[in-house]
């Protein structure tokens, strides 16, 4: 059984594409798939707030994918990062919570509620006191309209650093965002010419 049916692009949209998300693209600069050029590790999503604080969101789709993160040589710490979050599907939310925190998990299985879990401490797996985002498809939640799904900030991340990006760093992040957009447009254009090349 899959732990989520959502694609990476759908999850990114749930996390950043709706006004009720704290990472909404109209309120922040959001860069997907940021490689080693900006931080000392790869990042699924980087979110720069208006106050110039940088947040990383690491997206996980399965429990094995989540656990693989703890076997890597590098961590998700970087001096430029203010906050770090794991985003995981509803189906493994409680399991991930118990791996990262001490306390009581709260999240009704039939609806993503916006109540946060009660954290009393942090496990040895979570030295940087990262936060937790739970996402779910529209079939798993009571989301309205034609939304792909919903997410909730289940545990707020503690501040790792008090670093604000300077103008040069912000411009570098914007250049990375521009490259991602144009690479995506190129793929779309190639698909429109010959869609059969992209079918598995």
N, C-alpha and C. Protein backbone atom coordinates (compact mmCIF):
# COMPACT_ATOMS: atom_id res chain seq x y z
N UNK A 1 0.83 -1.20 0.00
CA UNK A 1 0.00 0.00 0.00
C UNK A 1 0.88 1.26 0.00
N UNK A 2 0.60 2.18 -0.90
CA UNK A 2 1.34 3.43 -0.95
C UNK A 2 0.96 4.30 0.25
N UNK A 3 1.95 5.03 0.76
CA UNK A 3 1.68 5.91 1.88
C UNK A 3 1.09 7.24 1.44
N UNK A 4 1.22 7.56 0.15
CA UNK A 4 0.51 8.68 -0.44
C UNK A 4 0.39 8.43 -1.95
N UNK A 5 -0.69 8.89 -2.53
CA UNK A 5 -0.88 8.79 -3.98
C UNK A 5 -0.45 10.08 -4.67
N UNK A 6 -0.08 11.07 -3.88
CA UNK A 6 0.26 12.38 -4.42
C UNK A 6 1.64 12.38 -5.06
N UNK A 7 1.79 13.12 -6.16
CA UNK A 7 3.09 13.30 -6.79
C UNK A 7 3.86 14.40 -6.05
N UNK A 8 5.14 14.50 -6.31
CA UNK A 8 5.95 15.54 -5.69
C UNK A 8 5.42 16.92 -6.04
N UNK A 9 5.03 17.10 -7.31
CA UNK A 9 4.51 18.40 -7.74
C UNK A 9 3.20 18.74 -7.03
N UNK A 10 2.36 17.74 -6.81
CA UNK A 10 1.11 17.98 -6.08
C UNK A 10 1.38 18.35 -4.63
N UNK A 11 2.34 17.67 -4.01
CA UNK A 11 2.69 17.98 -2.62
C UNK A 11 3.24 19.40 -2.52
N UNK A 12 4.11 19.78 -3.45
CA UNK A 12 4.65 21.14 -3.45
C UNK A 12 3.54 22.17 -3.58
N UNK A 13 2.53 21.87 -4.39
CA UNK A 13 1.40 22.77 -4.56
C UNK A 13 0.59 22.88 -3.28
N UNK A 14 0.36 21.76 -2.60
CA UNK A 14 -0.36 21.76 -1.32
C UNK A 14 0.39 22.62 -0.30
N UNK A 15 1.71 22.50 -0.27
CA UNK A 15 2.51 23.20 0.72
C UNK A 15 2.63 24.70 0.46
N UNK A 16 2.57 25.10 -0.80
CA UNK A 16 2.88 26.50 -1.12
C UNK A 16 1.81 27.22 -1.95
N UNK A 17 0.83 26.48 -2.48
CA UNK A 17 -0.06 27.06 -3.48
C UNK A 17 -1.37 27.63 -2.99
N UNK A 18 -1.65 27.56 -1.68
CA UNK A 18 -2.93 28.03 -1.16
C UNK A 18 -2.72 29.08 -0.07
N UNK A 19 -3.62 30.07 -0.01
CA UNK A 19 -3.42 31.20 0.93
C UNK A 19 -3.37 30.81 2.40
N UNK A 20 -3.93 29.66 2.78
CA UNK A 20 -3.91 29.28 4.20
C UNK A 20 -2.61 28.58 4.60
N UNK A 21 -1.69 28.41 3.66
CA UNK A 21 -0.39 27.82 3.99
C UNK A 21 0.56 28.91 4.48
N UNK A 22 1.34 28.63 5.55
CA UNK A 22 2.33 29.63 5.99
C UNK A 22 3.46 29.82 4.99
N UNK A 23 3.52 28.96 3.98
CA UNK A 23 4.59 29.04 2.97
C UNK A 23 4.03 29.47 1.61
N UNK A 24 2.91 30.16 1.61
CA UNK A 24 2.21 30.57 0.40
C UNK A 24 3.13 31.37 -0.53
N UNK A 25 3.11 31.03 -1.82
CA UNK A 25 4.04 31.63 -2.79
C UNK A 25 3.83 33.13 -3.00
N UNK A 26 2.66 33.66 -2.65
CA UNK A 26 2.45 35.10 -2.81
C UNK A 26 2.96 35.90 -1.62
N UNK A 27 3.35 35.19 -0.57
CA UNK A 27 3.88 35.84 0.63
C UNK A 27 5.37 35.57 0.84
N UNK A 28 5.90 34.61 0.09
CA UNK A 28 7.30 34.19 0.26
C UNK A 28 7.94 33.94 -1.10
N UNK A 29 9.25 33.91 -1.13
CA UNK A 29 9.98 33.41 -2.29
C UNK A 29 10.22 31.92 -2.04
N UNK A 30 9.72 31.07 -2.93
CA UNK A 30 9.83 29.62 -2.75
C UNK A 30 10.60 29.02 -3.92
N UNK A 31 11.69 28.32 -3.60
CA UNK A 31 12.54 27.71 -4.62
C UNK A 31 12.51 26.20 -4.45
N UNK A 32 12.03 25.46 -5.46
CA UNK A 32 12.05 24.00 -5.36
C UNK A 32 13.38 23.41 -5.80
N UNK A 33 13.69 22.24 -5.26
CA UNK A 33 14.84 21.44 -5.74
C UNK A 33 16.13 22.26 -5.79
N UNK A 34 16.50 22.81 -4.65
CA UNK A 34 17.70 23.63 -4.59
C UNK A 34 18.90 22.74 -4.31
N UNK A 35 19.87 22.75 -5.22
CA UNK A 35 21.00 21.83 -5.09
C UNK A 35 22.08 22.39 -4.17
N UNK A 36 23.23 21.76 -4.20
CA UNK A 36 24.31 22.06 -3.26
C UNK A 36 24.92 23.45 -3.45
N UNK A 37 24.55 24.16 -4.48
CA UNK A 37 25.16 25.45 -4.75
C UNK A 37 24.81 26.54 -3.76
N UNK A 38 23.70 26.43 -3.07
CA UNK A 38 23.27 27.50 -2.16
C UNK A 38 23.48 27.14 -0.69
N UNK A 39 23.15 25.91 -0.31
CA UNK A 39 23.39 25.41 1.04
C UNK A 39 24.49 24.36 0.99
N UNK A 40 24.83 23.80 2.14
CA UNK A 40 25.82 22.72 2.16
C UNK A 40 25.17 21.35 1.93
N UNK A 41 23.92 21.35 1.47
CA UNK A 41 23.20 20.12 1.13
C UNK A 41 22.08 20.46 0.17
N UNK A 42 21.45 19.44 -0.41
CA UNK A 42 20.30 19.65 -1.29
C UNK A 42 19.05 19.91 -0.45
N UNK A 43 18.13 20.69 -1.01
CA UNK A 43 16.88 21.02 -0.31
C UNK A 43 15.71 20.86 -1.27
N UNK A 44 14.65 20.19 -0.79
CA UNK A 44 13.45 20.03 -1.62
C UNK A 44 12.77 21.36 -1.87
N UNK A 45 12.56 22.14 -0.80
CA UNK A 45 11.95 23.46 -0.91
C UNK A 45 12.68 24.43 0.01
N UNK A 46 13.03 25.59 -0.51
CA UNK A 46 13.53 26.68 0.32
C UNK A 46 12.52 27.82 0.28
N UNK A 47 12.19 28.33 1.45
CA UNK A 47 11.19 29.39 1.57
C UNK A 47 11.84 30.60 2.23
N UNK A 48 11.88 31.71 1.51
CA UNK A 48 12.44 32.94 2.06
C UNK A 48 11.31 33.87 2.43
N UNK A 49 11.23 34.24 3.70
CA UNK A 49 10.16 35.12 4.18
C UNK A 49 10.46 36.57 3.82
N UNK A 50 9.47 37.45 4.00
CA UNK A 50 9.67 38.88 3.74
C UNK A 50 10.72 39.46 4.67
N UNK A 51 10.88 38.84 5.84
CA UNK A 51 11.88 39.30 6.80
C UNK A 51 13.27 38.77 6.49
N UNK A 52 13.41 38.01 5.37
CA UNK A 52 14.68 37.47 4.88
C UNK A 52 15.20 36.26 5.67
N UNK A 53 14.31 35.58 6.39
CA UNK A 53 14.68 34.34 7.07
C UNK A 53 14.39 33.16 6.15
N UNK A 54 15.27 32.17 6.17
CA UNK A 54 15.19 31.04 5.24
C UNK A 54 14.75 29.77 5.97
N UNK A 55 13.74 29.11 5.39
CA UNK A 55 13.21 27.84 5.92
C UNK A 55 13.39 26.76 4.87
N UNK A 56 13.82 25.58 5.32
CA UNK A 56 13.89 24.42 4.43
C UNK A 56 12.75 23.46 4.76
N UNK A 57 12.12 22.92 3.71
CA UNK A 57 11.11 21.87 3.88
C UNK A 57 11.60 20.63 3.13
N UNK A 58 11.74 19.54 3.85
CA UNK A 58 12.15 18.26 3.27
C UNK A 58 10.89 17.41 3.11
N UNK A 59 10.56 17.09 1.86
CA UNK A 59 9.33 16.34 1.56
C UNK A 59 9.61 14.85 1.56
N UNK A 60 8.80 14.11 2.31
CA UNK A 60 8.90 12.66 2.35
C UNK A 60 7.55 12.07 1.97
N UNK A 61 7.60 10.99 1.15
CA UNK A 61 6.37 10.36 0.68
C UNK A 61 6.12 9.00 1.31
N UNK A 62 7.17 8.39 1.88
CA UNK A 62 7.04 7.07 2.50
C UNK A 62 7.88 7.03 3.77
N UNK A 63 7.59 6.03 4.61
CA UNK A 63 8.36 5.85 5.83
C UNK A 63 9.83 5.51 5.50
N UNK A 64 10.05 4.66 4.52
CA UNK A 64 11.42 4.29 4.16
C UNK A 64 12.20 5.50 3.63
N UNK A 65 11.53 6.37 2.91
CA UNK A 65 12.14 7.60 2.41
C UNK A 65 12.52 8.50 3.59
N UNK A 66 11.64 8.59 4.57
CA UNK A 66 11.91 9.39 5.77
C UNK A 66 13.11 8.82 6.54
N UNK A 67 13.13 7.51 6.74
CA UNK A 67 14.21 6.88 7.50
C UNK A 67 15.56 6.99 6.78
N UNK A 68 15.52 6.99 5.45
CA UNK A 68 16.76 7.10 4.67
C UNK A 68 17.48 8.42 4.96
N UNK A 69 16.73 9.43 5.36
CA UNK A 69 17.31 10.73 5.65
C UNK A 69 18.30 10.67 6.81
N UNK A 70 18.09 9.74 7.71
CA UNK A 70 18.94 9.65 8.90
C UNK A 70 20.18 8.77 8.67
N UNK A 71 20.30 8.23 7.46
CA UNK A 71 21.46 7.43 7.11
C UNK A 71 22.44 8.20 6.24
N UNK A 72 22.07 9.43 5.87
CA UNK A 72 22.93 10.24 5.02
C UNK A 72 24.09 10.81 5.83
N UNK A 73 25.18 11.09 5.14
CA UNK A 73 26.35 11.66 5.81
C UNK A 73 26.08 13.09 6.26
N UNK A 74 25.34 13.83 5.44
CA UNK A 74 25.07 15.23 5.79
C UNK A 74 23.78 15.34 6.59
N UNK A 75 23.65 16.44 7.31
CA UNK A 75 22.41 16.73 8.04
C UNK A 75 21.70 17.87 7.31
N UNK A 76 20.62 18.35 7.88
CA UNK A 76 19.90 19.48 7.29
C UNK A 76 20.25 20.79 7.99
N UNK A 77 21.39 20.79 8.64
CA UNK A 77 21.84 22.04 9.28
C UNK A 77 22.68 22.85 8.30
N UNK A 78 22.41 24.14 8.26
CA UNK A 78 23.22 25.09 7.50
C UNK A 78 23.11 26.44 8.22
N UNK A 79 24.20 27.18 8.32
CA UNK A 79 24.14 28.48 9.02
C UNK A 79 23.12 29.46 8.45
N UNK A 80 22.77 29.30 7.16
CA UNK A 80 21.80 30.21 6.54
C UNK A 80 20.36 29.90 6.94
N UNK A 81 20.12 28.68 7.43
CA UNK A 81 18.75 28.26 7.71
C UNK A 81 18.27 28.74 9.08
N UNK A 82 17.08 29.29 9.09
CA UNK A 82 16.45 29.68 10.36
C UNK A 82 15.58 28.55 10.91
N UNK A 83 14.87 27.84 10.01
CA UNK A 83 13.97 26.77 10.43
C UNK A 83 14.04 25.60 9.46
N UNK A 84 13.72 24.43 9.97
CA UNK A 84 13.69 23.22 9.14
C UNK A 84 12.45 22.41 9.47
N UNK A 85 11.76 21.91 8.41
CA UNK A 85 10.55 21.10 8.56
C UNK A 85 10.64 19.83 7.75
N UNK A 86 10.07 18.76 8.28
CA UNK A 86 9.73 17.58 7.49
C UNK A 86 8.26 17.71 7.11
N UNK A 87 7.94 17.41 5.85
CA UNK A 87 6.55 17.32 5.39
C UNK A 87 6.28 15.87 5.03
N UNK A 88 5.30 15.26 5.71
CA UNK A 88 5.04 13.83 5.53
C UNK A 88 3.55 13.60 5.31
N UNK A 89 3.19 12.47 4.69
CA UNK A 89 1.77 12.19 4.48
C UNK A 89 1.06 11.83 5.77
N UNK A 90 -0.24 12.07 5.77
CA UNK A 90 -1.09 11.78 6.92
C UNK A 90 -0.93 10.34 7.40
N UNK A 91 -0.75 9.40 6.48
CA UNK A 91 -0.70 7.98 6.82
C UNK A 91 0.46 7.62 7.73
N UNK A 92 1.54 8.40 7.72
CA UNK A 92 2.69 8.10 8.59
C UNK A 92 2.95 9.22 9.59
N UNK A 93 2.04 10.16 9.69
CA UNK A 93 2.23 11.33 10.55
C UNK A 93 2.53 10.98 11.99
N UNK A 94 1.75 10.08 12.57
CA UNK A 94 1.95 9.73 13.98
C UNK A 94 3.28 9.00 14.18
N UNK A 95 3.62 8.13 13.26
CA UNK A 95 4.88 7.38 13.35
C UNK A 95 6.07 8.33 13.29
N UNK A 96 6.02 9.30 12.39
CA UNK A 96 7.09 10.29 12.27
C UNK A 96 7.15 11.15 13.53
N UNK A 97 5.98 11.56 14.03
CA UNK A 97 5.94 12.36 15.25
C UNK A 97 6.65 11.63 16.39
N UNK A 98 6.35 10.35 16.57
CA UNK A 98 6.95 9.58 17.66
C UNK A 98 8.45 9.38 17.47
N UNK A 99 8.93 9.43 16.23
CA UNK A 99 10.36 9.32 15.96
C UNK A 99 11.10 10.60 16.32
N UNK A 100 10.43 11.74 16.12
CA UNK A 100 11.08 13.04 16.29
C UNK A 100 10.87 13.70 17.65
N UNK A 101 9.74 13.37 18.31
CA UNK A 101 9.36 14.13 19.49
C UNK A 101 8.93 13.23 20.65
N UNK A 102 8.86 13.85 21.80
CA UNK A 102 8.16 13.28 22.95
C UNK A 102 6.91 14.13 23.14
N UNK A 103 5.80 13.49 23.44
CA UNK A 103 4.57 14.24 23.62
C UNK A 103 3.38 13.49 23.07
N UNK A 104 2.34 14.23 22.70
CA UNK A 104 1.08 13.64 22.24
C UNK A 104 0.76 14.09 20.83
N UNK A 105 0.61 13.12 19.95
CA UNK A 105 0.26 13.41 18.55
C UNK A 105 -1.23 13.72 18.45
N UNK A 106 -1.55 14.79 17.74
CA UNK A 106 -2.95 15.16 17.51
C UNK A 106 -3.15 15.43 16.02
N UNK A 107 -4.01 14.64 15.42
CA UNK A 107 -4.37 14.88 14.03
C UNK A 107 -5.47 13.89 13.69
N UNK A 108 -6.70 14.33 13.57
CA UNK A 108 -7.80 13.43 13.30
C UNK A 108 -7.61 12.76 11.95
N UNK A 109 -7.80 11.44 11.86
CA UNK A 109 -7.51 10.73 10.61
C UNK A 109 -8.46 11.04 9.47
N UNK A 110 -9.64 11.60 9.76
CA UNK A 110 -10.60 11.88 8.69
C UNK A 110 -10.51 13.31 8.18
N UNK A 111 -9.66 14.13 8.82
CA UNK A 111 -9.59 15.53 8.41
C UNK A 111 -8.32 16.14 8.96
N UNK A 112 -7.61 16.89 8.17
CA UNK A 112 -6.44 17.58 8.67
C UNK A 112 -6.92 18.74 9.54
N UNK A 113 -6.78 18.59 10.82
CA UNK A 113 -7.19 19.68 11.70
C UNK A 113 -6.00 20.58 11.98
N UNK A 114 -6.26 21.81 12.30
CA UNK A 114 -5.18 22.77 12.46
C UNK A 114 -4.73 22.91 13.91
N UNK A 115 -5.12 21.95 14.75
CA UNK A 115 -4.58 21.89 16.10
C UNK A 115 -3.19 21.27 16.02
N UNK A 116 -2.29 21.77 16.83
CA UNK A 116 -0.93 21.23 16.81
C UNK A 116 -0.80 20.11 17.83
N UNK A 117 0.12 19.22 17.55
CA UNK A 117 0.44 18.17 18.52
C UNK A 117 1.13 18.80 19.73
N UNK A 118 1.05 18.11 20.86
CA UNK A 118 1.65 18.60 22.10
C UNK A 118 3.05 18.01 22.26
N UNK A 119 4.06 18.85 22.15
CA UNK A 119 5.45 18.41 22.25
C UNK A 119 5.98 18.73 23.64
N UNK A 120 6.50 17.72 24.32
CA UNK A 120 7.12 17.92 25.63
C UNK A 120 8.63 17.79 25.58
N UNK A 121 9.15 17.26 24.47
CA UNK A 121 10.59 17.11 24.32
C UNK A 121 10.94 16.66 22.92
N UNK A 122 12.23 16.52 22.67
CA UNK A 122 12.73 16.14 21.35
C UNK A 122 13.58 14.89 21.46
N UNK A 123 13.43 14.00 20.50
CA UNK A 123 14.20 12.75 20.53
C UNK A 123 15.63 13.02 20.09
N UNK A 124 16.47 12.00 20.28
CA UNK A 124 17.87 12.11 19.86
C UNK A 124 18.00 12.22 18.35
N UNK A 125 16.94 11.88 17.60
CA UNK A 125 16.94 11.98 16.14
C UNK A 125 16.70 13.41 15.67
N UNK A 126 16.37 14.30 16.58
CA UNK A 126 15.94 15.64 16.21
C UNK A 126 16.74 16.71 16.97
N UNK A 127 18.07 16.75 16.78
CA UNK A 127 18.89 17.70 17.55
C UNK A 127 18.62 19.16 17.21
N UNK A 128 18.15 19.44 15.98
CA UNK A 128 17.90 20.82 15.58
C UNK A 128 16.46 21.26 15.85
N UNK A 129 15.67 20.37 16.50
CA UNK A 129 14.29 20.69 16.88
C UNK A 129 13.47 21.15 15.68
N UNK A 130 13.48 20.28 14.66
CA UNK A 130 12.75 20.60 13.43
C UNK A 130 11.24 20.54 13.67
N UNK A 131 10.50 21.11 12.73
CA UNK A 131 9.05 21.08 12.79
C UNK A 131 8.48 19.99 11.90
N UNK A 132 7.16 19.83 11.97
CA UNK A 132 6.48 18.77 11.22
C UNK A 132 5.25 19.32 10.53
N UNK A 133 5.17 19.04 9.23
CA UNK A 133 3.99 19.39 8.42
C UNK A 133 3.34 18.09 7.98
N UNK A 134 2.03 18.00 8.14
CA UNK A 134 1.28 16.82 7.68
C UNK A 134 0.48 17.25 6.46
N UNK A 135 0.57 16.47 5.38
CA UNK A 135 -0.22 16.78 4.18
C UNK A 135 -1.10 15.59 3.82
N UNK A 136 -2.16 15.85 3.11
CA UNK A 136 -3.09 14.79 2.69
C UNK A 136 -3.79 15.20 1.41
N UNK A 137 -4.22 14.22 0.65
CA UNK A 137 -4.96 14.48 -0.58
C UNK A 137 -6.37 14.94 -0.25
N UNK A 138 -7.06 15.49 -1.24
CA UNK A 138 -8.44 15.95 -1.02
C UNK A 138 -9.36 14.80 -0.65
N UNK A 139 -9.03 13.58 -1.06
CA UNK A 139 -9.86 12.42 -0.70
C UNK A 139 -9.74 12.08 0.78
N UNK A 140 -8.62 12.46 1.41
CA UNK A 140 -8.40 12.17 2.83
C UNK A 140 -8.90 13.28 3.75
N UNK A 141 -9.24 14.43 3.19
CA UNK A 141 -9.61 15.58 4.00
C UNK A 141 -10.94 16.16 3.55
N UNK A 142 -11.38 17.15 4.30
CA UNK A 142 -12.62 17.85 3.95
C UNK A 142 -12.32 19.15 3.22
N UNK A 143 -11.27 19.15 2.40
CA UNK A 143 -10.91 20.37 1.70
C UNK A 143 -11.98 20.75 0.70
N UNK A 144 -12.13 22.05 0.51
CA UNK A 144 -13.21 22.58 -0.32
C UNK A 144 -12.77 22.80 -1.75
N UNK A 145 -13.76 22.87 -2.63
CA UNK A 145 -13.48 23.22 -4.02
C UNK A 145 -12.65 22.19 -4.73
N UNK A 146 -11.76 22.66 -5.60
CA UNK A 146 -10.96 21.78 -6.45
C UNK A 146 -9.52 21.67 -5.95
N UNK A 147 -9.32 21.86 -4.66
CA UNK A 147 -7.98 21.75 -4.11
C UNK A 147 -7.44 20.33 -4.26
N UNK A 148 -6.15 20.23 -4.45
CA UNK A 148 -5.49 18.92 -4.55
C UNK A 148 -5.50 18.25 -3.19
N UNK A 149 -5.39 19.05 -2.13
CA UNK A 149 -5.36 18.52 -0.78
C UNK A 149 -5.09 19.63 0.21
N UNK A 150 -4.70 19.27 1.42
CA UNK A 150 -4.47 20.24 2.48
C UNK A 150 -3.21 19.87 3.25
N UNK A 151 -2.69 20.84 3.98
CA UNK A 151 -1.58 20.57 4.88
C UNK A 151 -1.78 21.32 6.18
N UNK A 152 -1.18 20.83 7.24
CA UNK A 152 -1.21 21.56 8.50
C UNK A 152 0.17 21.56 9.11
N UNK A 153 0.50 22.66 9.74
CA UNK A 153 1.76 22.77 10.46
C UNK A 153 1.52 22.14 11.83
N UNK A 154 1.89 20.87 11.94
CA UNK A 154 1.54 20.08 13.11
C UNK A 154 2.43 20.39 14.32
N UNK A 155 3.70 20.65 14.07
CA UNK A 155 4.65 21.04 15.11
C UNK A 155 5.48 22.19 14.57
N UNK A 156 5.51 23.29 15.28
CA UNK A 156 6.33 24.43 14.85
C UNK A 156 7.80 24.16 15.07
N UNK A 157 8.62 24.54 14.11
CA UNK A 157 10.07 24.36 14.22
C UNK A 157 10.66 25.42 15.15
N UNK A 158 11.66 25.02 15.92
CA UNK A 158 12.42 25.98 16.73
C UNK A 158 13.45 26.66 15.85
N UNK A 159 13.77 27.89 16.19
CA UNK A 159 14.75 28.63 15.39
C UNK A 159 16.14 28.01 15.52
N UNK A 160 16.76 27.71 14.38
CA UNK A 160 18.11 27.14 14.35
C UNK A 160 19.17 28.24 14.41
N UNK A 161 18.94 29.28 13.61
CA UNK A 161 19.88 30.40 13.52
C UNK A 161 19.08 31.69 13.37
N UNK A 162 19.74 32.80 13.63
CA UNK A 162 19.08 34.10 13.49
C UNK A 162 19.61 34.84 12.27
N UNK A 163 20.00 34.08 11.26
CA UNK A 163 20.66 34.63 10.08
C UNK A 163 19.62 35.18 9.09
N UNK A 164 19.88 36.39 8.59
CA UNK A 164 19.06 36.98 7.54
C UNK A 164 19.87 37.01 6.25
N UNK A 165 19.25 36.60 5.16
CA UNK A 165 19.95 36.63 3.88
C UNK A 165 20.24 38.06 3.46
N UNK A 166 21.42 38.27 2.89
CA UNK A 166 21.76 39.60 2.37
C UNK A 166 21.27 39.71 0.93
N UNK A 167 21.46 40.87 0.33
CA UNK A 167 20.93 41.14 -1.02
C UNK A 167 21.53 40.19 -2.05
N UNK A 168 22.83 39.95 -1.98
CA UNK A 168 23.48 39.05 -2.95
C UNK A 168 22.93 37.63 -2.84
N UNK A 169 22.72 37.17 -1.61
CA UNK A 169 22.19 35.81 -1.41
C UNK A 169 20.75 35.71 -1.90
N UNK A 170 19.98 36.77 -1.68
CA UNK A 170 18.60 36.77 -2.17
C UNK A 170 18.56 36.74 -3.69
N UNK A 171 19.45 37.49 -4.34
CA UNK A 171 19.51 37.48 -5.80
C UNK A 171 19.93 36.11 -6.34
N UNK A 172 20.85 35.46 -5.65
CA UNK A 172 21.28 34.12 -6.05
C UNK A 172 20.10 33.14 -5.96
N UNK A 173 19.32 33.27 -4.90
CA UNK A 173 18.14 32.42 -4.73
C UNK A 173 17.12 32.69 -5.84
N UNK A 174 16.94 33.95 -6.20
CA UNK A 174 16.01 34.29 -7.29
C UNK A 174 16.51 33.75 -8.63
N UNK A 175 17.82 33.76 -8.85
CA UNK A 175 18.36 33.19 -10.09
C UNK A 175 18.09 31.68 -10.15
N UNK A 176 18.26 31.01 -9.01
CA UNK A 176 17.96 29.58 -8.96
C UNK A 176 16.49 29.33 -9.27
N UNK A 177 15.62 30.17 -8.74
CA UNK A 177 14.18 30.03 -9.01
C UNK A 177 13.91 30.22 -10.50
N UNK A 178 14.53 31.23 -11.10
CA UNK A 178 14.35 31.48 -12.53
C UNK A 178 14.79 30.29 -13.37
N UNK A 179 15.93 29.68 -13.02
CA UNK A 179 16.40 28.51 -13.76
C UNK A 179 15.42 27.35 -13.65
N UNK A 180 14.84 27.15 -12.45
CA UNK A 180 13.86 26.07 -12.27
C UNK A 180 12.64 26.29 -13.16
N UNK A 181 12.17 27.53 -13.22
CA UNK A 181 10.99 27.85 -14.03
C UNK A 181 11.26 27.59 -15.50
N UNK A 182 12.40 28.04 -16.00
CA UNK A 182 12.69 27.89 -17.42
C UNK A 182 13.01 26.45 -17.81
N UNK A 183 13.60 25.70 -16.90
CA UNK A 183 13.78 24.27 -17.16
C UNK A 183 12.44 23.57 -17.26
N UNK A 184 11.50 23.98 -16.40
CA UNK A 184 10.16 23.39 -16.43
C UNK A 184 9.43 23.76 -17.73
N UNK A 185 9.58 25.01 -18.15
CA UNK A 185 8.95 25.45 -19.39
C UNK A 185 9.53 24.70 -20.60
N UNK A 186 10.83 24.44 -20.56
CA UNK A 186 11.46 23.69 -21.64
C UNK A 186 10.89 22.28 -21.73
N UNK A 187 10.75 21.62 -20.57
CA UNK A 187 10.18 20.27 -20.54
C UNK A 187 8.74 20.28 -21.05
N UNK A 188 7.98 21.28 -20.65
CA UNK A 188 6.60 21.39 -21.10
C UNK A 188 6.55 21.58 -22.61
N UNK A 189 7.42 22.44 -23.14
CA UNK A 189 7.45 22.68 -24.59
C UNK A 189 7.82 21.42 -25.35
N UNK A 190 8.79 20.66 -24.84
CA UNK A 190 9.18 19.41 -25.49
C UNK A 190 8.05 18.38 -25.43
N UNK A 191 7.33 18.36 -24.33
CA UNK A 191 6.19 17.45 -24.18
C UNK A 191 5.09 17.79 -25.19
N UNK A 192 4.88 19.10 -25.41
CA UNK A 192 3.84 19.52 -26.35
C UNK A 192 4.19 19.14 -27.78
N UNK A 193 5.48 19.07 -28.09
CA UNK A 193 5.91 18.67 -29.43
C UNK A 193 5.79 17.16 -29.61
N UNK A 194 6.26 16.42 -28.62
CA UNK A 194 6.28 14.95 -28.74
C UNK A 194 5.94 14.30 -27.40
N UNK A 195 4.65 14.27 -27.02
CA UNK A 195 4.26 13.73 -25.72
C UNK A 195 4.60 12.25 -25.54
N UNK A 196 4.71 11.48 -26.60
CA UNK A 196 5.00 10.05 -26.47
C UNK A 196 6.38 9.79 -25.89
N UNK A 197 7.30 10.73 -26.05
CA UNK A 197 8.65 10.57 -25.52
C UNK A 197 8.67 10.58 -23.99
N UNK A 198 7.62 11.15 -23.40
CA UNK A 198 7.61 11.29 -21.94
C UNK A 198 6.77 10.23 -21.27
N UNK A 199 6.16 9.35 -22.04
CA UNK A 199 5.34 8.28 -21.45
C UNK A 199 6.21 7.11 -21.10
N UNK A 200 5.92 6.50 -19.95
CA UNK A 200 6.69 5.32 -19.54
C UNK A 200 6.06 4.06 -20.10
